[in-house]
Amino acid sequence: MIERSDDGDIAVLRLTHGPVNAMDLELCQSLIAHFHALVTDSARAVVITGSGSSFSAGVDLRRFLDGGADYVKRFMPALAGSFQAAFELTKPVVAAVNGHAIAGGCVLAATADVTLMTDGKGRMGVPEIKVGVSFPRIALEVLRYAVGEVAARRLMLGAQTYPPAEVKAIGLVDQLVDGDELLTRAVRTARALAEESPADTFAATKTQLRREALERTARYAGDDDTAIQLWSRRATDGWTAAYLEAATRR
């Protein structure tokens, strides 16, 4: 599900989970394990990227519909945990978005300190309300941190996906890069972040910057209960199934 390769002292995590790296229980658990291990790992910085034409197309809706409410109760804490593990890591993290980064994939990319994206056909956005569900609280805080209050509201309520140039204008990505250069540039960027300041200073500053977002995540933990209720309802009432059928016909 996740292949790790090291470029010197830079850890490169590549999502290799099916054709679009859809986020299911196992992928989220693997993300949590990898990011927790990186806390004490010798790697000085991290690059996370995808495979094929997608960084990640978001939650595996077919798996969710098949699993129903019982699956939701296991999956949603893992989804929230994967975002939080990536967002809390105090080492430099660079996302190399190689294609589509939709919904949960968009949030995962936004957890990074620097986000690079291939200047191609990939799209980013968070269409969750069209799916009929809400995110766990940490996802809202990640987006708010990444692009600010107004842009996060427009992203989440507008529920659109955007091409690279618009994604950059919104602030979801920092740079657009030719596809052939994406990983090289990402590793170079991660190494620069690791080398241009002491590790403890970078960690302290990153912690200060993200503290309020994480404090709000803890304060409003009840939002995750609401998310579980909505996902459980959508598993059986036909809304998400209809959304998925329409989306696959496009």
C-alpha atoms as a PDB file:
ATOM      1  CA  MET A   1       0.000   0.000   0.000  1.00  0.00           C
ATOM      2  CA  ILE A   2       2.866   2.376   0.778  1.00  0.00           C
ATOM      3  CA  GLU A   3       6.334   1.893  -0.636  1.00  0.00           C
ATOM      4  CA  ARG A   4       9.155   3.624   1.183  1.00  0.00           C
ATOM      5  CA  SER A   5      12.431   4.463  -0.481  1.00  0.00           C
ATOM      6  CA  ASP A   6      15.106   6.752   0.896  1.00  0.00           C
ATOM      7  CA  ASP A   7      16.997   9.354  -1.102  1.00  0.00           C
ATOM      8  CA  GLY A   8      19.884   9.773   1.295  1.00  0.00           C
ATOM      9  CA  ASP A   9      18.356  11.197   4.456  1.00  0.00           C
ATOM     10  CA  ILE A  10      14.984  11.944   2.819  1.00  0.00           C
ATOM     11  CA  ALA A  11      12.211   9.354   3.234  1.00  0.00           C
ATOM     12  CA  VAL A  12       9.998   8.994   0.162  1.00  0.00           C
ATOM     13  CA  LEU A  13       6.563   7.461   0.784  1.00  0.00           C
ATOM     14  CA  ARG A  14       4.670   6.403  -2.350  1.00  0.00           C
ATOM     15  CA  LEU A  15       1.000   5.399  -2.218  1.00  0.00           C
ATOM     16  CA  THR A  16       0.565   2.230  -4.302  1.00  0.00           C
ATOM     17  CA  HIS A  17      -2.952   1.156  -3.399  1.00  0.00           C
ATOM     18  CA  GLY A  18      -4.988   0.226  -6.445  1.00  0.00           C
ATOM     19  CA  PRO A  19      -5.428   2.316  -9.576  1.00  0.00           C
ATOM     20  CA  VAL A  20      -6.296   5.604  -7.792  1.00  0.00           C
ATOM     21  CA  ASN A  21      -4.868   5.101  -4.271  1.00  0.00           C
ATOM     22  CA  ALA A  22      -8.338   5.209  -2.755  1.00  0.00           C
ATOM     23  CA  MET A  23      -8.329   5.631   1.019  1.00  0.00           C
ATOM     24  CA  ASP A  24      -9.719   2.624   2.864  1.00  0.00           C
ATOM     25  CA  LEU A  25      -9.177   1.297   6.378  1.00  0.00           C
ATOM     26  CA  GLU A  26      -5.924  -0.476   5.551  1.00  0.00           C
ATOM     27  CA  LEU A  27      -4.340   2.442   3.685  1.00  0.00           C
ATOM     28  CA  CYS A  28      -5.209   4.834   6.507  1.00  0.00           C
ATOM     29  CA  GLN A  29      -3.765   2.442   9.082  1.00  0.00           C
ATOM     30  CA  SER A  30      -0.613   2.155   7.009  1.00  0.00           C
ATOM     31  CA  LEU A  31      -0.289   5.943   6.773  1.00  0.00           C
ATOM     32  CA  ILE A  32      -0.612   6.214  10.548  1.00  0.00           C
ATOM     33  CA  ALA A  33       2.051   3.554  11.087  1.00  0.00           C
ATOM     34  CA  HIS A  34       4.501   5.153   8.643  1.00  0.00           C
ATOM     35  CA  PHE A  35       4.129   8.685  10.005  1.00  0.00           C
ATOM     36  CA  HIS A  36       4.347   7.541  13.622  1.00  0.00           C
ATOM     37  CA  ALA A  37       7.517   5.598  12.801  1.00  0.00           C
ATOM     38  CA  LEU A  38       9.030   8.711  11.193  1.00  0.00           C
ATOM     39  CA  VAL A  39       8.893  10.548  14.529  1.00  0.00           C
ATOM     40  CA  THR A  40      11.981   8.648  15.741  1.00  0.00           C
ATOM     41  CA  ASP A  41      13.318   7.580  12.343  1.00  0.00           C
ATOM     42  CA  SER A  42      16.711   8.788  11.116  1.00  0.00           C
ATOM     43  CA  ALA A  43      15.169  10.462   8.058  1.00  0.00           C
ATOM     44  CA  ARG A  44      15.471  14.244   8.271  1.00  0.00           C
ATOM     45  CA  ALA A  45      12.496  15.020   6.009  1.00  0.00           C
ATOM     46  CA  VAL A  46       9.686  13.285   4.149  1.00  0.00           C
ATOM     47  CA  VAL A  47       8.222  13.331   0.654  1.00  0.00           C
ATOM     48  CA  ILE A  48       4.792  11.779   0.085  1.00  0.00           C
ATOM     49  CA  THR A  49       3.578  11.073  -3.436  1.00  0.00           C
ATOM     50  CA  GLY A  50       1.224   8.801  -5.356  1.00  0.00           C
ATOM     51  CA  SER A  51       1.459   6.426  -8.275  1.00  0.00           C
ATOM     52  CA  GLY A  52      -0.105   6.247 -11.700  1.00  0.00           C
ATOM     53  CA  SER A  53      -2.397   9.179 -12.520  1.00  0.00           C
ATOM     54  CA  SER A  54      -3.473   9.875  -8.939  1.00  0.00           C
ATOM     55  CA  PHE A  55      -2.010  11.093  -5.689  1.00  0.00           C
ATOM     56  CA  SER A  56      -5.225   9.812  -4.094  1.00  0.00           C
ATOM     57  CA  ALA A  57      -8.808   9.995  -5.330  1.00  0.00           C
ATOM     58  CA  GLY A  58     -10.095  10.050  -1.749  1.00  0.00           C
ATOM     59  CA  VAL A  59     -12.199   7.612   0.240  1.00  0.00           C
ATOM     60  CA  ASP A  60     -12.986   4.258  -1.352  1.00  0.00           C
ATOM     61  CA  LEU A  61     -16.752   4.760  -1.630  1.00  0.00           C
ATOM     62  CA  ARG A  62     -17.443   1.253  -2.940  1.00  0.00           C
ATOM     63  CA  ARG A  63     -15.720  -0.239   0.099  1.00  0.00           C
ATOM     64  CA  PHE A  64     -17.667   2.114   2.349  1.00  0.00           C
ATOM     65  CA  LEU A  65     -21.020   1.183   0.780  1.00  0.00           C
ATOM     66  CA  ASP A  66     -20.218  -2.512   0.997  1.00  0.00           C
ATOM     67  CA  GLY A  67     -19.087  -2.280   4.620  1.00  0.00           C
ATOM     68  CA  GLY A  68     -21.915  -0.129   5.953  1.00  0.00           C
ATOM     69  CA  ALA A  69     -22.130   1.296   9.450  1.00  0.00           C
ATOM     70  CA  ASP A  70     -19.825  -1.299  11.031  1.00  0.00           C
ATOM     71  CA  TYR A  71     -17.070  -0.367   8.583  1.00  0.00           C
ATOM     72  CA  VAL A  72     -17.666   3.346   9.173  1.00  0.00           C
ATOM     73  CA  LYS A  73     -17.063   2.954  12.920  1.00  0.00           C
ATOM     74  CA  ARG A  74     -13.617   1.495  12.220  1.00  0.00           C
ATOM     75  CA  PHE A  75     -12.753   3.579   9.187  1.00  0.00           C
ATOM     76  CA  MET A  76     -13.507   7.125  10.328  1.00  0.00           C
ATOM     77  CA  PRO A  77     -11.087   7.100  13.310  1.00  0.00           C
ATOM     78  CA  ALA A  78      -8.411   5.700  10.981  1.00  0.00           C
ATOM     79  CA  LEU A  79      -9.090   8.414   8.373  1.00  0.00           C
ATOM     80  CA  ALA A  80      -8.853  11.139  11.018  1.00  0.00           C
ATOM     81  CA  GLY A  81      -5.765   9.477  12.481  1.00  0.00           C
ATOM     82  CA  SER A  82      -3.983   9.416   9.135  1.00  0.00           C
ATOM     83  CA  PHE A  83      -4.512  13.148   8.623  1.00  0.00           C
ATOM     84  CA  GLN A  84      -3.454  13.926  12.182  1.00  0.00           C
ATOM     85  CA  ALA A  85      -0.321  11.749  12.060  1.00  0.00           C
ATOM     86  CA  ALA A  86       0.827  13.543   8.903  1.00  0.00           C
ATOM     87  CA  PHE A  87      -0.117  16.999  10.186  1.00  0.00           C
ATOM     88  CA  GLU A  88       1.570  16.529  13.574  1.00  0.00           C
ATOM     89  CA  LEU A  89       4.923  15.268  12.281  1.00  0.00           C
ATOM     90  CA  THR A  90       7.437  17.962  13.202  1.00  0.00           C
ATOM     91  CA  LYS A  91       9.929  17.042  10.469  1.00  0.00           C
ATOM     92  CA  PRO A  92       9.678  18.766   7.066  1.00  0.00           C
ATOM     93  CA  VAL A  93       7.032  17.156   4.843  1.00  0.00           C
ATOM     94  CA  VAL A  94       6.660  17.808   1.113  1.00  0.00           C
ATOM     95  CA  ALA A  95       3.725  16.515  -0.917  1.00  0.00           C
ATOM     96  CA  ALA A  96       4.454  15.671  -4.561  1.00  0.00           C
ATOM     97  CA  VAL A  97       0.985  15.598  -6.106  1.00  0.00           C
ATOM     98  CA  ASN A  98       1.383  13.556  -9.277  1.00  0.00           C
ATOM     99  CA  GLY A  99      -2.257  13.726 -10.406  1.00  0.00           C
ATOM    100  CA  HIS A 100      -5.749  13.786  -8.939  1.00  0.00           C
ATOM    101  CA  ALA A 101      -5.957  14.624  -5.226  1.00  0.00           C
ATOM    102  CA  ILE A 102      -9.635  14.553  -4.392  1.00  0.00           C
ATOM    103  CA  ALA A 103     -11.424  14.735  -1.041  1.00  0.00           C
ATOM    104  CA  GLY A 104      -9.257  12.846   1.471  1.00  0.00           C
ATOM    105  CA  GLY A 105      -6.397  12.927  -1.026  1.00  0.00           C
ATOM    106  CA  CYS A 106      -6.623  16.709  -1.137  1.00  0.00           C
ATOM    107  CA  VAL A 107      -6.562  16.901   2.663  1.00  0.00           C
ATOM    108  CA  LEU A 108      -3.566  14.560   2.870  1.00  0.00           C
ATOM    109  CA  ALA A 109      -1.634  16.737   0.410  1.00  0.00           C
ATOM    110  CA  ALA A 110      -2.577  19.828   2.428  1.00  0.00           C
ATOM    111  CA  THR A 111      -0.983  18.407   5.593  1.00  0.00           C
ATOM    112  CA  ALA A 112       2.452  19.023   4.058  1.00  0.00           C
ATOM    113  CA  ASP A 113       4.676  22.030   4.685  1.00  0.00           C
ATOM    114  CA  VAL A 114       5.183  22.469   0.949  1.00  0.00           C
ATOM    115  CA  THR A 115       2.947  21.033  -1.761  1.00  0.00           C
ATOM    116  CA  LEU A 116       4.114  20.617  -5.355  1.00  0.00           C
ATOM    117  CA  MET A 117       1.804  19.470  -8.146  1.00  0.00           C
ATOM    118  CA  THR A 118       2.286  18.183 -11.664  1.00  0.00           C
ATOM    119  CA  ASP A 119       1.157  20.792 -14.173  1.00  0.00           C
ATOM    120  CA  GLY A 120      -1.087  18.381 -16.053  1.00  0.00           C
ATOM    121  CA  LYS A 121      -4.635  17.024 -15.990  1.00  0.00           C
ATOM    122  CA  GLY A 122      -4.874  16.300 -12.274  1.00  0.00           C
ATOM    123  CA  ARG A 123      -7.540  18.038 -10.195  1.00  0.00           C
ATOM    124  CA  MET A 124      -7.870  18.876  -6.509  1.00  0.00           C
ATOM    125  CA  GLY A 125     -10.846  19.645  -4.340  1.00  0.00           C
ATOM    126  CA  VAL A 126     -13.146  18.442  -1.569  1.00  0.00           C
ATOM    127  CA  PRO A 127     -16.618  17.462  -2.878  1.00  0.00           C
ATOM    128  CA  GLU A 128     -17.657  15.823   0.409  1.00  0.00           C
ATOM    129  CA  ILE A 129     -20.998  17.566   0.816  1.00  0.00           C
ATOM    130  CA  LYS A 130     -22.042  16.344  -2.630  1.00  0.00           C
ATOM    131  CA  VAL A 131     -21.218  12.827  -1.466  1.00  0.00           C
ATOM    132  CA  GLY A 132     -23.546  13.568   1.455  1.00  0.00           C
ATOM    133  CA  VAL A 133     -20.992  13.359   4.249  1.00  0.00           C
ATOM    134  CA  SER A 134     -18.755  15.553   6.395  1.00  0.00           C
ATOM    135  CA  PHE A 135     -15.076  15.296   7.228  1.00  0.00           C
ATOM    136  CA  PRO A 136     -13.624  14.557  10.661  1.00  0.00           C
ATOM    137  CA  ARG A 137     -12.634  17.779  12.419  1.00  0.00           C
ATOM    138  CA  ILE A 138      -8.927  17.445  11.669  1.00  0.00           C
ATOM    139  CA  ALA A 139      -9.610  17.666   7.917  1.00  0.00           C
ATOM    140  CA  LEU A 140     -11.393  21.008   8.292  1.00  0.00           C
ATOM    141  CA  GLU A 141      -8.510  22.325  10.398  1.00  0.00           C
ATOM    142  CA  VAL A 142      -5.902  21.126   7.888  1.00  0.00           C
ATOM    143  CA  LEU A 143      -7.659  22.940   5.049  1.00  0.00           C
ATOM    144  CA  ARG A 144      -8.147  26.061   7.145  1.00  0.00           C
ATOM    145  CA  TYR A 145      -4.470  26.031   8.034  1.00  0.00           C
ATOM    146  CA  ALA A 146      -3.436  25.501   4.408  1.00  0.00           C
ATOM    147  CA  VAL A 147      -5.540  28.128   2.640  1.00  0.00           C
ATOM    148  CA  GLY A 148      -7.215  30.294   5.299  1.00  0.00           C
ATOM    149  CA  GLU A 149     -10.765  30.631   6.571  1.00  0.00           C
ATOM    150  CA  VAL A 150     -12.434  32.111   3.489  1.00  0.00           C
ATOM    151  CA  ALA A 151     -10.825  29.809   0.921  1.00  0.00           C
ATOM    152  CA  ALA A 152     -11.495  26.732   3.077  1.00  0.00           C
ATOM    153  CA  ARG A 153     -15.166  27.693   3.341  1.00  0.00           C
ATOM    154  CA  ARG A 154     -15.411  28.146  -0.419  1.00  0.00           C
ATOM    155  CA  LEU A 155     -13.647  24.836  -1.060  1.00  0.00           C
ATOM    156  CA  MET A 156     -15.872  22.846   1.275  1.00  0.00           C
ATOM    157  CA  LEU A 157     -19.231  24.446   0.527  1.00  0.00           C
ATOM    158  CA  GLY A 158     -18.541  24.843  -3.190  1.00  0.00           C
ATOM    159  CA  ALA A 159     -17.540  21.171  -3.384  1.00  0.00           C
ATOM    160  CA  GLN A 160     -15.769  21.600  -6.736  1.00  0.00           C
ATOM    161  CA  THR A 161     -12.521  20.180  -8.075  1.00  0.00           C
ATOM    162  CA  TYR A 162     -10.033  22.470  -9.782  1.00  0.00           C
ATOM    163  CA  PRO A 163      -7.235  22.196 -12.375  1.00  0.00           C
ATOM    164  CA  PRO A 164      -3.622  22.930 -11.365  1.00  0.00           C
ATOM    165  CA  ALA A 165      -3.521  26.652 -12.176  1.00  0.00           C
ATOM    166  CA  GLU A 166      -6.642  27.329 -10.100  1.00  0.00           C
ATOM    167  CA  VAL A 167      -5.404  25.094  -7.289  1.00  0.00           C
ATOM    168  CA  LYS A 168      -2.233  27.170  -7.106  1.00  0.00           C
ATOM    169  CA  ALA A 169      -4.230  30.408  -7.090  1.00  0.00           C
ATOM    170  CA  ILE A 170      -6.346  29.078  -4.204  1.00  0.00           C
ATOM    171  CA  GLY A 171      -3.173  28.227  -2.274  1.00  0.00           C
ATOM    172  CA  LEU A 172      -3.571  24.463  -2.065  1.00  0.00           C
ATOM    173  CA  VAL A 173      -0.252  24.002  -3.863  1.00  0.00           C
ATOM    174  CA  ASP A 174       2.880  26.113  -3.714  1.00  0.00           C
ATOM    175  CA  GLN A 175       4.409  25.304  -7.089  1.00  0.00           C
ATOM    176  CA  LEU A 176       3.411  23.643 -10.369  1.00  0.00           C
ATOM    177  CA  VAL A 177       6.105  21.365 -11.751  1.00  0.00           C
ATOM    178  CA  ASP A 178       6.650  19.398 -14.929  1.00  0.00           C
ATOM    179  CA  GLY A 179       5.741  15.767 -14.285  1.00  0.00           C
ATOM    180  CA  ASP A 180       9.216  14.475 -15.121  1.00  0.00           C
ATOM    181  CA  GLU A 181      10.746  16.756 -12.514  1.00  0.00           C
ATOM    182  CA  LEU A 182       8.177  16.397  -9.743  1.00  0.00           C
ATOM    183  CA  LEU A 183       9.869  13.876  -7.478  1.00  0.00           C
ATOM    184  CA  THR A 184      13.344  15.365  -7.966  1.00  0.00           C
ATOM    185  CA  ARG A 185      12.054  18.820  -7.077  1.00  0.00           C
ATOM    186  CA  ALA A 186      10.149  17.466  -4.095  1.00  0.00           C
ATOM    187  CA  VAL A 187      13.218  15.725  -2.681  1.00  0.00           C
ATOM    188  CA  ARG A 188      15.326  18.836  -3.283  1.00  0.00           C
ATOM    189  CA  THR A 189      12.725  20.978  -1.500  1.00  0.00           C
ATOM    190  CA  ALA A 190      12.525  18.579   1.444  1.00  0.00           C
ATOM    191  CA  ARG A 191      16.309  18.509   1.761  1.00  0.00           C
ATOM    192  CA  ALA A 192      16.502  22.299   1.721  1.00  0.00           C
ATOM    193  CA  LEU A 193      13.918  22.514   4.518  1.00  0.00           C
ATOM    194  CA  ALA A 194      15.967  20.019   6.539  1.00  0.00           C
ATOM    195  CA  GLU A 195      19.331  21.651   5.941  1.00  0.00           C
ATOM    196  CA  GLU A 196      18.580  25.356   6.151  1.00  0.00           C
ATOM    197  CA  SER A 197      17.606  25.408   9.841  1.00  0.00           C
ATOM    198  CA  PRO A 198      18.388  23.247  12.881  1.00  0.00           C
ATOM    199  CA  ALA A 199      15.974  20.348  13.214  1.00  0.00           C
ATOM    200  CA  ASP A 200      14.831  21.408  16.693  1.00  0.00           C
ATOM    201  CA  THR A 201      14.176  24.967  15.534  1.00  0.00           C
ATOM    202  CA  PHE A 202      12.140  23.775  12.553  1.00  0.00           C
ATOM    203  CA  ALA A 203      10.174  21.410  14.800  1.00  0.00           C
ATOM    204  CA  ALA A 204       9.448  24.102  17.384  1.00  0.00           C
ATOM    205  CA  THR A 205       8.324  26.593  14.760  1.00  0.00           C
ATOM    206  CA  LYS A 206       6.111  24.054  12.980  1.00  0.00           C
ATOM    207  CA  THR A 207       4.556  23.105  16.308  1.00  0.00           C
ATOM    208  CA  GLN A 208       3.814  26.754  17.093  1.00  0.00           C
ATOM    209  CA  LEU A 209       2.238  27.324  13.682  1.00  0.00           C
ATOM    210  CA  ARG A 210      -0.057  24.296  13.925  1.00  0.00           C
ATOM    211  CA  ARG A 211      -0.900  24.385  17.629  1.00  0.00           C
ATOM    212  CA  GLU A 212      -4.199  26.240  17.343  1.00  0.00           C
ATOM    213  CA  ALA A 213      -5.467  23.930  14.598  1.00  0.00           C
ATOM    214  CA  LEU A 214      -4.665  20.876  16.699  1.00  0.00           C
ATOM    215  CA  GLU A 215      -6.170  22.429  19.834  1.00  0.00           C
ATOM    216  CA  ARG A 216      -9.416  23.103  17.967  1.00  0.00           C
ATOM    217  CA  THR A 217      -9.376  19.531  16.676  1.00  0.00           C
ATOM    218  CA  ALA A 218      -9.248  18.252  20.254  1.00  0.00           C
ATOM    219  CA  ARG A 219     -11.778  20.793  21.538  1.00  0.00           C
ATOM    220  CA  TYR A 220     -14.387  19.895  18.946  1.00  0.00           C
ATOM    221  CA  ALA A 221     -13.865  16.135  18.936  1.00  0.00           C
ATOM    222  CA  GLY A 222     -17.638  15.724  18.978  1.00  0.00           C
ATOM    223  CA  ASP A 223     -17.674  16.748  15.317  1.00  0.00           C
ATOM    224  CA  ASP A 224     -16.233  13.312  14.545  1.00  0.00           C
ATOM    225  CA  ASP A 225     -19.273  11.661  16.131  1.00  0.00           C
ATOM    226  CA  THR A 226     -21.472  13.692  13.799  1.00  0.00           C
ATOM    227  CA  ALA A 227     -19.332  12.622  10.838  1.00  0.00           C
ATOM    228  CA  ILE A 228     -19.723   8.955  11.802  1.00  0.00           C
ATOM    229  CA  GLN A 229     -23.493   9.398  12.042  1.00  0.00           C
ATOM    230  CA  LEU A 230     -23.670  11.015   8.594  1.00  0.00           C
ATOM    231  CA  TRP A 231     -21.450   8.402   6.957  1.00  0.00           C
ATOM    232  CA  SER A 232     -23.502   5.624   8.560  1.00  0.00           C
ATOM    233  CA  ARG A 233     -26.746   7.175   7.293  1.00  0.00           C
ATOM    234  CA  ARG A 234     -25.364   7.566   3.765  1.00  0.00           C
ATOM    235  CA  ALA A 235     -24.366   3.892   3.733  1.00  0.00           C
ATOM    236  CA  THR A 236     -28.008   2.879   3.525  1.00  0.00           C
ATOM    237  CA  ASP A 237     -30.173   5.786   2.337  1.00  0.00           C
ATOM    238  CA  GLY A 238     -29.014   5.721  -1.286  1.00  0.00           C
ATOM    239  CA  TRP A 239     -27.559   9.247  -1.514  1.00  0.00           C
ATOM    240  CA  THR A 240     -23.896   8.260  -1.778  1.00  0.00           C
ATOM    241  CA  ALA A 241     -24.707   5.292  -4.001  1.00  0.00           C
ATOM    242  CA  ALA A 242     -26.501   7.652  -6.414  1.00  0.00           C
ATOM    243  CA  TYR A 243     -23.573  10.105  -6.310  1.00  0.00           C
ATOM    244  CA  LEU A 244     -21.112   7.325  -7.104  1.00  0.00           C
ATOM    245  CA  GLU A 245     -23.235   6.005  -9.970  1.00  0.00           C
ATOM    246  CA  ALA A 246     -23.504   9.474 -11.503  1.00  0.00           C
ATOM    247  CA  ALA A 247     -19.799  10.147 -11.047  1.00  0.00           C
ATOM    248  CA  THR A 248     -18.758   6.922 -12.754  1.00  0.00           C
ATOM    249  CA  ARG A 249     -20.978   7.723 -15.773  1.00  0.00           C
ATOM    250  CA  ARG A 250     -19.162  10.996 -16.506  1.00  0.00           C
END
